[in-house]
C-alpha atoms as a PDB file:
ATOM      1  CA  MET A   1      49.114   9.570   2.101  1.00  0.00           C
ATOM      2  CA  HIS A   2      49.095   6.647  -0.187  1.00  0.00           C
ATOM      3  CA  ILE A   3      45.970   6.114  -2.393  1.00  0.00           C
ATOM      4  CA  ASP A   4      45.679   2.487  -3.681  1.00  0.00           C
ATOM      5  CA  ARG A   5      43.771   1.695  -6.854  1.00  0.00           C
ATOM      6  CA  ILE A   6      41.716  -1.389  -6.621  1.00  0.00           C
ATOM      7  CA  VAL A   7      39.795  -2.937  -9.648  1.00  0.00           C
ATOM      8  CA  GLY A   8      36.963  -5.431  -9.644  1.00  0.00           C
ATOM      9  CA  ARG A   9      34.358  -6.968 -11.815  1.00  0.00           C
ATOM     10  CA  SER A  10      31.461  -5.179 -10.443  1.00  0.00           C
ATOM     11  CA  LEU A  11      31.104  -2.499  -7.516  1.00  0.00           C
ATOM     12  CA  MET A  12      30.541  -5.153  -4.973  1.00  0.00           C
ATOM     13  CA  ASP A  13      33.578  -7.216  -6.062  1.00  0.00           C
ATOM     14  CA  ALA A  14      35.699  -4.112  -5.929  1.00  0.00           C
ATOM     15  CA  LEU A  15      34.465  -3.324  -2.431  1.00  0.00           C
ATOM     16  CA  GLU A  16      35.326  -6.749  -1.425  1.00  0.00           C
ATOM     17  CA  ARG A  17      38.818  -6.517  -2.563  1.00  0.00           C
ATOM     18  CA  ALA A  18      39.364  -3.217  -0.996  1.00  0.00           C
ATOM     19  CA  ARG A  19      38.209  -4.847   2.152  1.00  0.00           C
ATOM     20  CA  ALA A  20      40.513  -7.792   1.866  1.00  0.00           C
ATOM     21  CA  ALA A  21      43.519  -5.393   1.239  1.00  0.00           C
ATOM     22  CA  HIS A  22      42.742  -2.676   4.099  1.00  0.00           C
ATOM     23  CA  GLY A  23      40.288  -4.313   6.301  1.00  0.00           C
ATOM     24  CA  GLU A  24      37.747  -2.234   8.062  1.00  0.00           C
ATOM     25  CA  GLN A  25      39.951   0.825   7.791  1.00  0.00           C
ATOM     26  CA  ALA A  26      39.374   1.214   3.983  1.00  0.00           C
ATOM     27  CA  VAL A  27      38.032   4.489   2.895  1.00  0.00           C
ATOM     28  CA  VAL A  28      36.646   4.830  -0.796  1.00  0.00           C
ATOM     29  CA  LEU A  29      37.801   8.243  -2.066  1.00  0.00           C
ATOM     30  CA  SER A  30      36.290   7.759  -5.778  1.00  0.00           C
ATOM     31  CA  GLN A  31      34.897   5.105  -8.135  1.00  0.00           C
ATOM     32  CA  GLU A  32      35.261   4.925 -11.819  1.00  0.00           C
ATOM     33  CA  VAL A  33      33.560   2.432 -14.428  1.00  0.00           C
ATOM     34  CA  LEU A  34      36.103   1.349 -16.816  1.00  0.00           C
ATOM     35  CA  SER A  35      35.596   0.759 -20.545  1.00  0.00           C
ATOM     36  CA  GLY A  36      35.535  -3.044 -20.184  1.00  0.00           C
ATOM     37  CA  GLY A  37      32.776  -2.929 -17.449  1.00  0.00           C
ATOM     38  CA  ASP A  38      35.210  -3.367 -14.459  1.00  0.00           C
ATOM     39  CA  VAL A  39      34.989  -0.963 -11.730  1.00  0.00           C
ATOM     40  CA  ALA A  40      38.045   0.946 -10.258  1.00  0.00           C
ATOM     41  CA  LEU A  41      38.095   2.319  -6.870  1.00  0.00           C
ATOM     42  CA  ALA A  42      40.585   4.822  -5.078  1.00  0.00           C
ATOM     43  CA  VAL A  43      41.111   3.571  -1.577  1.00  0.00           C
ATOM     44  CA  VAL A  44      43.085   4.862   1.333  1.00  0.00           C
ATOM     45  CA  ARG A  45      43.182   3.665   4.947  1.00  0.00           C
ATOM     46  CA  LYS A  46      41.027   5.438   7.262  1.00  0.00           C
ATOM     47  CA  ASP A  47      43.878   6.420   9.571  1.00  0.00           C
ATOM     48  CA  ALA A  48      45.897   7.853   6.790  1.00  0.00           C
ATOM     49  CA  ALA A  49      42.791   9.836   5.433  1.00  0.00           C
ATOM     50  CA  ARG A  50      42.414  11.486   8.834  1.00  0.00           C
ATOM     51  CA  THR A  51      43.498  15.104   8.974  1.00  0.00           C
ATOM     52  CA  THR A  52      43.597  17.765  11.601  1.00  0.00           C
ATOM     53  CA  PRO A  53      41.827  21.103  11.157  1.00  0.00           C
ATOM     54  CA  ALA A  54      43.655  24.004  11.063  1.00  0.00           C
ATOM     55  CA  ALA A  55      43.778  26.079  14.403  1.00  0.00           C
ATOM     56  CA  GLY A  56      40.806  28.197  14.743  1.00  0.00           C
ATOM     57  CA  ARG A  57      38.791  26.819  11.824  1.00  0.00           C
ATOM     58  CA  ALA A  58      35.435  25.406  12.723  1.00  0.00           C
ATOM     59  CA  THR A  59      34.758  21.945  11.668  1.00  0.00           C
ATOM     60  CA  THR A  60      31.372  20.725  10.048  1.00  0.00           C
ATOM     61  CA  SER A  61      29.826  17.610  10.391  1.00  0.00           C
ATOM     62  CA  ARG A  62      29.162  15.859   7.239  1.00  0.00           C
ATOM     63  CA  ASP A  63      26.550  13.024   6.686  1.00  0.00           C
ATOM     64  CA  PRO A  64      28.467   9.730   6.110  1.00  0.00           C
ATOM     65  CA  LEU A  65      25.704   8.569   3.905  1.00  0.00           C
ATOM     66  CA  ARG A  66      25.625  11.579   1.671  1.00  0.00           C
ATOM     67  CA  GLU A  67      27.499   9.708  -1.298  1.00  0.00           C
ATOM     68  CA  VAL A  68      25.069   6.888  -1.000  1.00  0.00           C
ATOM     69  CA  VAL A  69      22.060   8.839  -0.893  1.00  0.00           C
ATOM     70  CA  GLU A  70      23.063  10.959  -3.867  1.00  0.00           C
ATOM     71  CA  LYS A  71      23.758   7.870  -5.966  1.00  0.00           C
ATOM     72  CA  LEU A  72      20.298   6.273  -5.042  1.00  0.00           C
ATOM     73  CA  VAL A  73      18.298   9.457  -5.722  1.00  0.00           C
ATOM     74  CA  ARG A  74      20.414  10.084  -8.882  1.00  0.00           C
ATOM     75  CA  HIS A  75      19.404   6.478 -10.385  1.00  0.00           C
ATOM     76  CA  GLY A  76      15.876   6.653  -9.631  1.00  0.00           C
ATOM     77  CA  ALA A  77      15.269   5.537  -5.855  1.00  0.00           C
ATOM     78  CA  SER A  78      12.450   7.065  -4.148  1.00  0.00           C
ATOM     79  CA  GLU A  79      12.714   8.731  -0.549  1.00  0.00           C
ATOM     80  CA  SER A  80      11.200   5.741   1.023  1.00  0.00           C
ATOM     81  CA  PHE A  81      13.743   3.352  -0.558  1.00  0.00           C
ATOM     82  CA  VAL A  82      16.585   5.715   0.416  1.00  0.00           C
ATOM     83  CA  ALA A  83      15.177   5.726   3.950  1.00  0.00           C
ATOM     84  CA  ARG A  84      15.256   1.906   4.000  1.00  0.00           C
ATOM     85  CA  ILE A  85      18.763   1.537   2.945  1.00  0.00           C
ATOM     86  CA  ARG A  86      19.730   4.327   5.303  1.00  0.00           C
ATOM     87  CA  ALA A  87      18.255   2.366   8.222  1.00  0.00           C
ATOM     88  CA  SER A  88      20.066  -0.722   7.216  1.00  0.00           C
ATOM     89  CA  VAL A  89      23.371   0.901   6.883  1.00  0.00           C
ATOM     90  CA  ASN A  90      22.913   2.673  10.271  1.00  0.00           C
ATOM     91  CA  ALA A  91      22.133  -0.536  11.873  1.00  0.00           C
ATOM     92  CA  ARG A  92      25.396  -2.016  10.772  1.00  0.00           C
ATOM     93  CA  ALA A  93      27.360   1.381  11.679  1.00  0.00           C
ATOM     94  CA  GLY A  94      31.153   0.536  12.187  1.00  0.00           C
ATOM     95  CA  GLU A  95      31.071  -2.701  10.325  1.00  0.00           C
ATOM     96  CA  GLY A  96      32.504  -1.421   7.042  1.00  0.00           C
ATOM     97  CA  HIS A  97      32.376   1.178   4.508  1.00  0.00           C
ATOM     98  CA  VAL A  98      28.966   2.877   4.084  1.00  0.00           C
ATOM     99  CA  LEU A  99      28.969   2.225   0.339  1.00  0.00           C
ATOM    100  CA  ASP A 100      29.901  -1.410   0.994  1.00  0.00           C
ATOM    101  CA  LEU A 101      27.013  -1.727   3.470  1.00  0.00           C
ATOM    102  CA  ALA A 102      24.513  -0.181   1.077  1.00  0.00           C
ATOM    103  CA  ALA A 103      25.371  -2.583  -1.630  1.00  0.00           C
ATOM    104  CA  GLU A 104      24.974  -5.384   0.525  1.00  0.00           C
ATOM    105  CA  ALA A 105      21.795  -4.268   1.935  1.00  0.00           C
ATOM    106  CA  ILE A 106      20.347  -3.529  -1.665  1.00  0.00           C
ATOM    107  CA  ALA A 107      21.508  -7.080  -2.744  1.00  0.00           C
ATOM    108  CA  ALA A 108      19.741  -8.646   0.163  1.00  0.00           C
ATOM    109  CA  LEU A 109      16.290  -7.369  -1.216  1.00  0.00           C
ATOM    110  CA  TYR A 110      16.819  -9.096  -4.759  1.00  0.00           C
ATOM    111  CA  PRO A 111      17.701 -12.586  -4.314  1.00  0.00           C
ATOM    112  CA  ALA A 112      18.628 -14.657  -7.341  1.00  0.00           C
ATOM    113  CA  VAL A 113      15.778 -16.557  -9.055  1.00  0.00           C
ATOM    114  CA  ALA A 114      16.582 -19.888 -10.754  1.00  0.00           C
ATOM    115  CA  LEU A 115      14.761 -21.243 -13.680  1.00  0.00           C
ATOM    116  CA  PRO A 116      12.955 -24.377 -12.216  1.00  0.00           C
ATOM    117  CA  ARG A 117      14.215 -27.925 -13.475  1.00  0.00           C
ATOM    118  CA  VAL A 118      12.164 -30.838 -12.510  1.00  0.00           C
ATOM    119  CA  ALA A 119      13.385 -34.234 -13.887  1.00  0.00           C
ATOM    120  CA  GLY A 120      10.611 -35.952 -15.890  1.00  0.00           C
ATOM    121  CA  ALA A 121       8.369 -32.789 -16.143  1.00  0.00           C
ATOM    122  CA  THR A 122       7.661 -30.234 -18.952  1.00  0.00           C
ATOM    123  CA  GLN A 123       8.242 -26.711 -17.348  1.00  0.00           C
ATOM    124  CA  VAL A 124       6.468 -24.042 -19.419  1.00  0.00           C
ATOM    125  CA  VAL A 125       7.682 -20.535 -18.820  1.00  0.00           C
ATOM    126  CA  ALA A 126       5.677 -17.678 -20.383  1.00  0.00           C
ATOM    127  CA  PHE A 127       6.876 -14.320 -20.595  1.00  0.00           C
ATOM    128  CA  VAL A 128       3.986 -11.787 -20.520  1.00  0.00           C
ATOM    129  CA  GLY A 129       3.877  -7.849 -20.425  1.00  0.00           C
ATOM    130  CA  ALA A 130       3.063  -4.913 -22.438  1.00  0.00           C
ATOM    131  CA  THR A 131       3.620  -4.609 -26.209  1.00  0.00           C
ATOM    132  CA  GLY A 132       7.029  -3.154 -26.961  1.00  0.00           C
ATOM    133  CA  SER A 133       8.497  -4.164 -23.511  1.00  0.00           C
ATOM    134  CA  GLY A 134      10.995  -6.696 -25.196  1.00  0.00           C
ATOM    135  CA  LYS A 135       9.417 -10.050 -24.598  1.00  0.00           C
ATOM    136  CA  THR A 136      10.339 -11.514 -27.924  1.00  0.00           C
ATOM    137  CA  SER A 137      14.049 -10.625 -27.920  1.00  0.00           C
ATOM    138  CA  LEU A 138      14.313 -11.716 -24.112  1.00  0.00           C
ATOM    139  CA  VAL A 139      12.757 -15.141 -25.023  1.00  0.00           C
ATOM    140  CA  ALA A 140      15.180 -15.463 -28.008  1.00  0.00           C
ATOM    141  CA  ARG A 141      18.154 -14.603 -26.135  1.00  0.00           C
ATOM    142  CA  LEU A 142      17.256 -17.183 -23.387  1.00  0.00           C
ATOM    143  CA  ALA A 143      16.556 -19.799 -25.657  1.00  0.00           C
ATOM    144  CA  ALA A 144      19.980 -19.605 -27.294  1.00  0.00           C
ATOM    145  CA  ARG A 145      21.714 -19.266 -23.934  1.00  0.00           C
ATOM    146  CA  LEU A 146      19.706 -22.392 -22.557  1.00  0.00           C
ATOM    147  CA  SER A 147      20.355 -24.296 -25.873  1.00  0.00           C
ATOM    148  CA  THR A 148      24.109 -23.567 -25.750  1.00  0.00           C
ATOM    149  CA  ALA A 149      24.026 -24.935 -22.084  1.00  0.00           C
ATOM    150  CA  ARG A 150      22.464 -28.258 -23.445  1.00  0.00           C
ATOM    151  CA  ARG A 151      18.932 -27.666 -22.042  1.00  0.00           C
ATOM    152  CA  ASN A 152      16.302 -29.406 -23.951  1.00  0.00           C
ATOM    153  CA  VAL A 153      14.367 -26.246 -25.097  1.00  0.00           C
ATOM    154  CA  ALA A 154      11.182 -25.605 -27.261  1.00  0.00           C
ATOM    155  CA  LEU A 155       9.656 -22.240 -28.206  1.00  0.00           C
ATOM    156  CA  VAL A 156       5.943 -21.016 -28.421  1.00  0.00           C
ATOM    157  CA  SER A 157       4.797 -17.748 -29.890  1.00  0.00           C
ATOM    158  CA  LEU A 158       1.453 -16.602 -29.165  1.00  0.00           C
ATOM    159  CA  ASP A 159       1.911 -13.791 -31.308  1.00  0.00           C
ATOM    160  CA  GLY A 160       2.011 -15.434 -34.659  1.00  0.00           C
ATOM    161  CA  ASP A 161      -0.750 -13.302 -36.231  1.00  0.00           C
ATOM    162  CA  ARG A 162       1.424 -10.026 -36.166  1.00  0.00           C
ATOM    163  CA  PRO A 163       3.657  -9.748 -39.165  1.00  0.00           C
ATOM    164  CA  GLY A 164       7.333 -10.220 -38.134  1.00  0.00           C
ATOM    165  CA  ALA A 165       6.734 -11.008 -34.580  1.00  0.00           C
ATOM    166  CA  VAL A 166       7.796 -14.459 -34.749  1.00  0.00           C
ATOM    167  CA  GLU A 167      10.944 -13.668 -36.737  1.00  0.00           C
ATOM    168  CA  PRO A 168      13.526 -13.503 -33.755  1.00  0.00           C
ATOM    169  CA  LEU A 169      12.215 -16.595 -32.552  1.00  0.00           C
ATOM    170  CA  VAL A 170      12.373 -18.332 -36.012  1.00  0.00           C
ATOM    171  CA  ALA A 171      16.034 -17.200 -36.220  1.00  0.00           C
ATOM    172  CA  VAL A 172      17.074 -18.684 -32.982  1.00  0.00           C
ATOM    173  CA  ALA A 173      14.945 -21.995 -33.690  1.00  0.00           C
ATOM    174  CA  ARG A 174      16.831 -22.504 -36.867  1.00  0.00           C
ATOM    175  CA  ALA A 175      20.233 -21.664 -35.477  1.00  0.00           C
ATOM    176  CA  HIS A 176      20.018 -23.979 -32.537  1.00  0.00           C
ATOM    177  CA  GLY A 177      17.659 -26.603 -34.110  1.00  0.00           C
ATOM    178  CA  LEU A 178      14.891 -26.044 -31.608  1.00  0.00           C
ATOM    179  CA  PRO A 179      11.085 -26.694 -32.091  1.00  0.00           C
ATOM    180  CA  LEU A 180       8.870 -23.833 -32.615  1.00  0.00           C
ATOM    181  CA  LEU A 181       5.057 -23.587 -32.456  1.00  0.00           C
ATOM    182  CA  ALA A 182       3.125 -20.422 -33.584  1.00  0.00           C
ATOM    183  CA  PRO A 183      -0.450 -21.107 -33.311  1.00  0.00           C
ATOM    184  CA  ARG A 184      -2.626 -18.556 -34.963  1.00  0.00           C
ATOM    185  CA  GLY A 185      -5.867 -16.782 -33.858  1.00  0.00           C
ATOM    186  CA  ALA A 186      -7.693 -18.719 -31.150  1.00  0.00           C
ATOM    187  CA  ALA A 187      -5.900 -21.941 -32.207  1.00  0.00           C
ATOM    188  CA  ALA A 188      -4.953 -24.257 -29.045  1.00  0.00           C
ATOM    189  CA  TRP A 189      -1.601 -25.303 -28.776  1.00  0.00           C
ATOM    190  CA  ASP A 190      -0.755 -28.825 -27.494  1.00  0.00           C
ATOM    191  CA  ILE A 191       2.233 -29.460 -25.274  1.00  0.00           C
ATOM    192  CA  ALA A 192       2.584 -32.801 -26.878  1.00  0.00           C
ATOM    193  CA  ASP A 193       3.775 -31.218 -30.103  1.00  0.00           C
ATOM    194  CA  LEU A 194       6.846 -29.984 -28.327  1.00  0.00           C
ATOM    195  CA  TYR A 195       8.841 -33.280 -28.753  1.00  0.00           C
ATOM    196  CA  GLY A 196       9.565 -33.820 -25.164  1.00  0.00           C
ATOM    197  CA  ALA A 197      11.207 -30.746 -24.232  1.00  0.00           C
ATOM    198  CA  ASP A 198      12.020 -30.225 -20.446  1.00  0.00           C
ATOM    199  CA  LEU A 199      11.510 -26.489 -20.952  1.00  0.00           C
ATOM    200  CA  VAL A 200       9.111 -24.787 -23.138  1.00  0.00           C
ATOM    201  CA  LEU A 201       9.570 -20.850 -23.467  1.00  0.00           C
ATOM    202  CA  VAL A 202       6.585 -18.817 -24.533  1.00  0.00           C
ATOM    203  CA  ASP A 203       6.464 -15.590 -25.939  1.00  0.00           C
ATOM    204  CA  THR A 204       2.987 -13.826 -25.627  1.00  0.00           C
ATOM    205  CA  THR A 205       0.922 -11.116 -27.337  1.00  0.00           C
ATOM    206  CA  GLY A 206       0.958  -8.070 -24.990  1.00  0.00           C
ATOM    207  CA  ASP A 207      -3.058  -8.525 -24.824  1.00  0.00           C
ATOM    208  CA  ALA A 208      -3.556  -9.649 -21.200  1.00  0.00           C
ATOM    209  CA  GLU A 209      -6.943 -11.143 -21.862  1.00  0.00           C
ATOM    210  CA  ARG A 210      -5.769 -13.100 -24.886  1.00  0.00           C
ATOM    211  CA  ASP A 211      -2.630 -14.357 -23.080  1.00  0.00           C
ATOM    212  CA  THR A 212      -4.590 -15.453 -19.943  1.00  0.00           C
ATOM    213  CA  ALA A 213      -7.022 -17.224 -22.260  1.00  0.00           C
ATOM    214  CA  GLN A 214      -4.367 -19.205 -23.851  1.00  0.00           C
ATOM    215  CA  LEU A 215      -2.326 -19.867 -20.841  1.00  0.00           C
ATOM    216  CA  ALA A 216      -5.120 -20.649 -18.423  1.00  0.00           C
ATOM    217  CA  PRO A 217      -5.564 -24.157 -19.390  1.00  0.00           C
ATOM    218  CA  PHE A 218      -2.096 -25.117 -18.399  1.00  0.00           C
ATOM    219  CA  LEU A 219      -2.621 -23.474 -15.038  1.00  0.00           C
ATOM    220  CA  ALA A 220      -5.800 -25.727 -14.686  1.00  0.00           C
ATOM    221  CA  HIS A 221      -4.280 -28.848 -15.463  1.00  0.00           C
ATOM    222  CA  ALA A 222      -0.828 -28.436 -13.942  1.00  0.00           C
ATOM    223  CA  SER A 223       0.648 -31.567 -12.622  1.00  0.00           C
ATOM    224  CA  ALA A 224       3.914 -33.429 -11.758  1.00  0.00           C
ATOM    225  CA  LYS A 225       4.494 -33.793 -15.549  1.00  0.00           C
ATOM    226  CA  LEU A 226       3.410 -30.185 -16.600  1.00  0.00           C
ATOM    227  CA  ARG A 227       4.048 -27.004 -14.801  1.00  0.00           C
ATOM    228  CA  LEU A 228       3.534 -23.342 -15.756  1.00  0.00           C
ATOM    229  CA  SER A 229       5.192 -20.316 -14.474  1.00  0.00           C
ATOM    230  CA  THR A 230       4.978 -16.907 -15.699  1.00  0.00           C
ATOM    231  CA  HIS A 231       7.480 -14.023 -15.892  1.00  0.00           C
ATOM    232  CA  LEU A 232       6.325 -10.280 -16.255  1.00  0.00           C
ATOM    233  CA  VAL A 233       8.614  -8.261 -18.650  1.00  0.00           C
ATOM    234  CA  LEU A 234       9.140  -4.751 -17.553  1.00  0.00           C
ATOM    235  CA  SER A 235      10.580  -2.000 -19.769  1.00  0.00           C
ATOM    236  CA  ALA A 236      13.062   0.230 -17.702  1.00  0.00           C
ATOM    237  CA  VAL A 237      12.067   3.099 -19.651  1.00  0.00           C
ATOM    238  CA  ALA A 238       8.252   2.698 -18.869  1.00  0.00           C
ATOM    239  CA  ALA A 239       6.619   5.168 -16.449  1.00  0.00           C
ATOM    240  CA  LEU A 240       5.737   3.865 -12.990  1.00  0.00           C
ATOM    241  CA  ASP A 241       1.975   3.908 -13.767  1.00  0.00           C
ATOM    242  CA  ALA A 242       2.553   1.735 -16.816  1.00  0.00           C
ATOM    243  CA  HIS A 243       4.195  -0.864 -14.364  1.00  0.00           C
ATOM    244  CA  THR A 244       1.171  -0.715 -12.125  1.00  0.00           C
ATOM    245  CA  ARG A 245      -1.125  -1.407 -15.000  1.00  0.00           C
ATOM    246  CA  SER A 246       0.984  -4.366 -16.051  1.00  0.00           C
ATOM    247  CA  PHE A 247       0.917  -5.797 -12.582  1.00  0.00           C
ATOM    248  CA  GLN A 248      -2.928  -5.451 -12.621  1.00  0.00           C
ATOM    249  CA  ARG A 249      -3.523  -6.707 -16.036  1.00  0.00           C
ATOM    250  CA  TRP A 250      -1.525  -9.879 -15.705  1.00  0.00           C
ATOM    251  CA  GLN A 251      -2.293 -10.761 -11.841  1.00  0.00           C
ATOM    252  CA  ALA A 252      -4.567 -13.466 -13.064  1.00  0.00           C
ATOM    253  CA  LEU A 253      -1.472 -15.455 -14.222  1.00  0.00           C
ATOM    254  CA  ALA A 254       0.246 -14.974 -10.814  1.00  0.00           C
ATOM    255  CA  PRO A 255       3.804 -14.082 -12.113  1.00  0.00           C
ATOM    256  CA  ALA A 256       6.447 -15.557 -10.106  1.00  0.00           C
ATOM    257  CA  ALA A 257       9.181 -13.282 -11.295  1.00  0.00           C
ATOM    258  CA  CYS A 258       9.821 -10.148 -13.458  1.00  0.00           C
ATOM    259  CA  ALA A 259      12.484  -9.398 -16.248  1.00  0.00           C
ATOM    260  CA  ILE A 260      13.760  -5.895 -16.715  1.00  0.00           C
ATOM    261  CA  THR A 261      14.677  -4.838 -20.139  1.00  0.00           C
ATOM    262  CA  LYS A 262      15.855  -1.865 -21.848  1.00  0.00           C
ATOM    263  CA  LEU A 263      18.278  -0.905 -19.003  1.00  0.00           C
ATOM    264  CA  ASP A 264      20.671   0.748 -21.632  1.00  0.00           C
ATOM    265  CA  GLU A 265      18.002   3.436 -22.469  1.00  0.00           C
ATOM    266  CA  THR A 266      17.523   4.977 -18.892  1.00  0.00           C
ATOM    267  CA  THR A 267      19.900   6.509 -16.207  1.00  0.00           C
ATOM    268  CA  LYS A 268      17.274   5.727 -13.574  1.00  0.00           C
ATOM    269  CA  PRO A 269      16.880   2.014 -13.380  1.00  0.00           C
ATOM    270  CA  GLY A 270      16.264   2.224  -9.640  1.00  0.00           C
ATOM    271  CA  ALA A 271      12.458   3.089 -10.308  1.00  0.00           C
ATOM    272  CA  THR A 272      11.639  -0.162 -12.179  1.00  0.00           C
ATOM    273  CA  LEU A 273      13.835  -2.352  -9.757  1.00  0.00           C
ATOM    274  CA  GLU A 274      11.586  -0.487  -6.899  1.00  0.00           C
ATOM    275  CA  ALA A 275       8.429  -1.057  -8.525  1.00  0.00           C
ATOM    276  CA  ALA A 276       9.210  -4.746  -8.891  1.00  0.00           C
ATOM    277  CA  LEU A 277      10.267  -4.868  -5.283  1.00  0.00           C
ATOM    278  CA  THR A 278       6.890  -3.133  -4.070  1.00  0.00           C
ATOM    279  CA  ALA A 279       4.982  -5.786  -6.249  1.00  0.00           C
ATOM    280  CA  GLY A 280       6.938  -8.520  -4.543  1.00  0.00           C
ATOM    281  CA  LEU A 281       8.278  -9.917  -7.727  1.00  0.00           C
ATOM    282  CA  PRO A 282      11.890 -11.157  -7.806  1.00  0.00           C
ATOM    283  CA  VAL A 283      14.070 -10.335 -10.718  1.00  0.00           C
ATOM    284  CA  SER A 284      15.019 -13.099 -12.974  1.00  0.00           C
ATOM    285  CA  PHE A 285      16.581 -11.466 -16.085  1.00  0.00           C
ATOM    286  CA  TYR A 286      18.167  -8.108 -17.135  1.00  0.00           C
ATOM    287  CA  SER A 287      18.602  -6.740 -20.723  1.00  0.00           C
ATOM    288  CA  THR A 288      20.986  -4.062 -21.370  1.00  0.00           C
ATOM    289  CA  SER A 289      21.203  -4.115 -25.257  1.00  0.00           C
ATOM    290  CA  ALA A 290      19.072  -4.314 -28.220  1.00  0.00           C
ATOM    291  CA  GLN A 291      21.366  -6.934 -29.719  1.00  0.00           C
ATOM    292  CA  LEU A 292      20.168 -10.422 -29.710  1.00  0.00           C
ATOM    293  CA  ASP A 293      23.931 -11.697 -28.988  1.00  0.00           C
ATOM    294  CA  ALA A 294      24.646  -9.269 -26.120  1.00  0.00           C
ATOM    295  CA  GLY A 295      23.641  -7.616 -22.993  1.00  0.00           C
ATOM    296  CA  PHE A 296      21.689 -10.384 -21.558  1.00  0.00           C
ATOM    297  CA  HIS A 297      22.020 -11.253 -17.962  1.00  0.00           C
ATOM    298  CA  ARG A 298      20.584 -13.715 -15.382  1.00  0.00           C
ATOM    299  CA  ALA A 299      19.883 -11.727 -12.509  1.00  0.00           C
ATOM    300  CA  ALA A 300      22.014 -11.636  -9.303  1.00  0.00           C
ATOM    301  CA  PRO A 301      21.965  -9.808  -6.238  1.00  0.00           C
ATOM    302  CA  ASP A 302      24.901  -7.644  -6.827  1.00  0.00           C
ATOM    303  CA  HIS A 303      23.488  -6.614 -10.175  1.00  0.00           C
ATOM    304  CA  ALA A 304      20.630  -4.675  -8.204  1.00  0.00           C
ATOM    305  CA  ALA A 305      23.316  -3.103  -6.036  1.00  0.00           C
ATOM    306  CA  ASP A 306      25.177  -2.054  -9.259  1.00  0.00           C
ATOM    307  CA  LEU A 307      22.055  -0.624 -10.620  1.00  0.00           C
ATOM    308  CA  TYR A 308      20.923   1.339  -7.920  1.00  0.00           C
ATOM    309  CA  LEU A 309      24.605   2.714  -7.022  1.00  0.00           C
ATOM    310  CA  GLN A 310      26.068   3.126 -10.431  1.00  0.00           C
ATOM    311  CA  GLY A 311      23.046   3.300 -12.691  1.00  0.00           C
ATOM    312  CA  ALA A 312      24.189   0.536 -14.974  1.00  0.00           C
ATOM    313  CA  LEU A 313      25.452  -2.979 -14.698  1.00  0.00           C
ATOM    314  CA  ALA A 314      29.357  -3.266 -14.231  1.00  0.00           C
END
């Protein structure tokens, strides 16, 4: 029996390569996350993997989804989510390897979210959520990424009263030459002060009432020239009841998506991913490092598959 080793950039990429090499006869024997983040699969053709049981030895049936179920449970998925993926895979039985089908079923639940870009309009994107969820570092990373991509970005911090809270934004603003406003107390902030930026990223306080009061006027005066959307930031290490409180506290701002941070600090990211799915919030960004210059990802469908099935981004 010849075992083929196939390497891909992610689990889904490796599975696609296995399918291309061996067609629907591919059987994945094992998988390994390499030091560089790639995923290696040990693959054999189904006809080569078949063995004949010894005479007189009883054969036992094995759940073909056992490996998928074990991975999902290990990485934080609930029984109801496991049942959902099992049903999706069973509905496509025979179309491919079960791990491949499970990854595709998960990816379909987490479509990509694009930051809006409207010609001639100022788009305000506010990141809200509990104190300590990672809002400030996420905003700083996103600002640096977008500035490098030549987006016309400006920054606002509504947390200027807290010592040191604005420092990461100040550093990014200086490094990239971005305008930064940090109004104190109940002071209002005027979009006209943001030098015609087409995208304004807002870091908030973690106090839902205060954030809502500061941002509500922009919701009330939205127009073709000014648009506000909010993204709820969820820490992957927070308990599920903390996520529920966050959904409730910031519901007045009608978050359009959520960003998930601190994925490097948990082995069960599926719990937070599932909480977002239950709340009807697509995922916009993932953070997998505390460093400002690393571990920041614009969410893609295969990221969700990797997190549920591998426990980490490949």
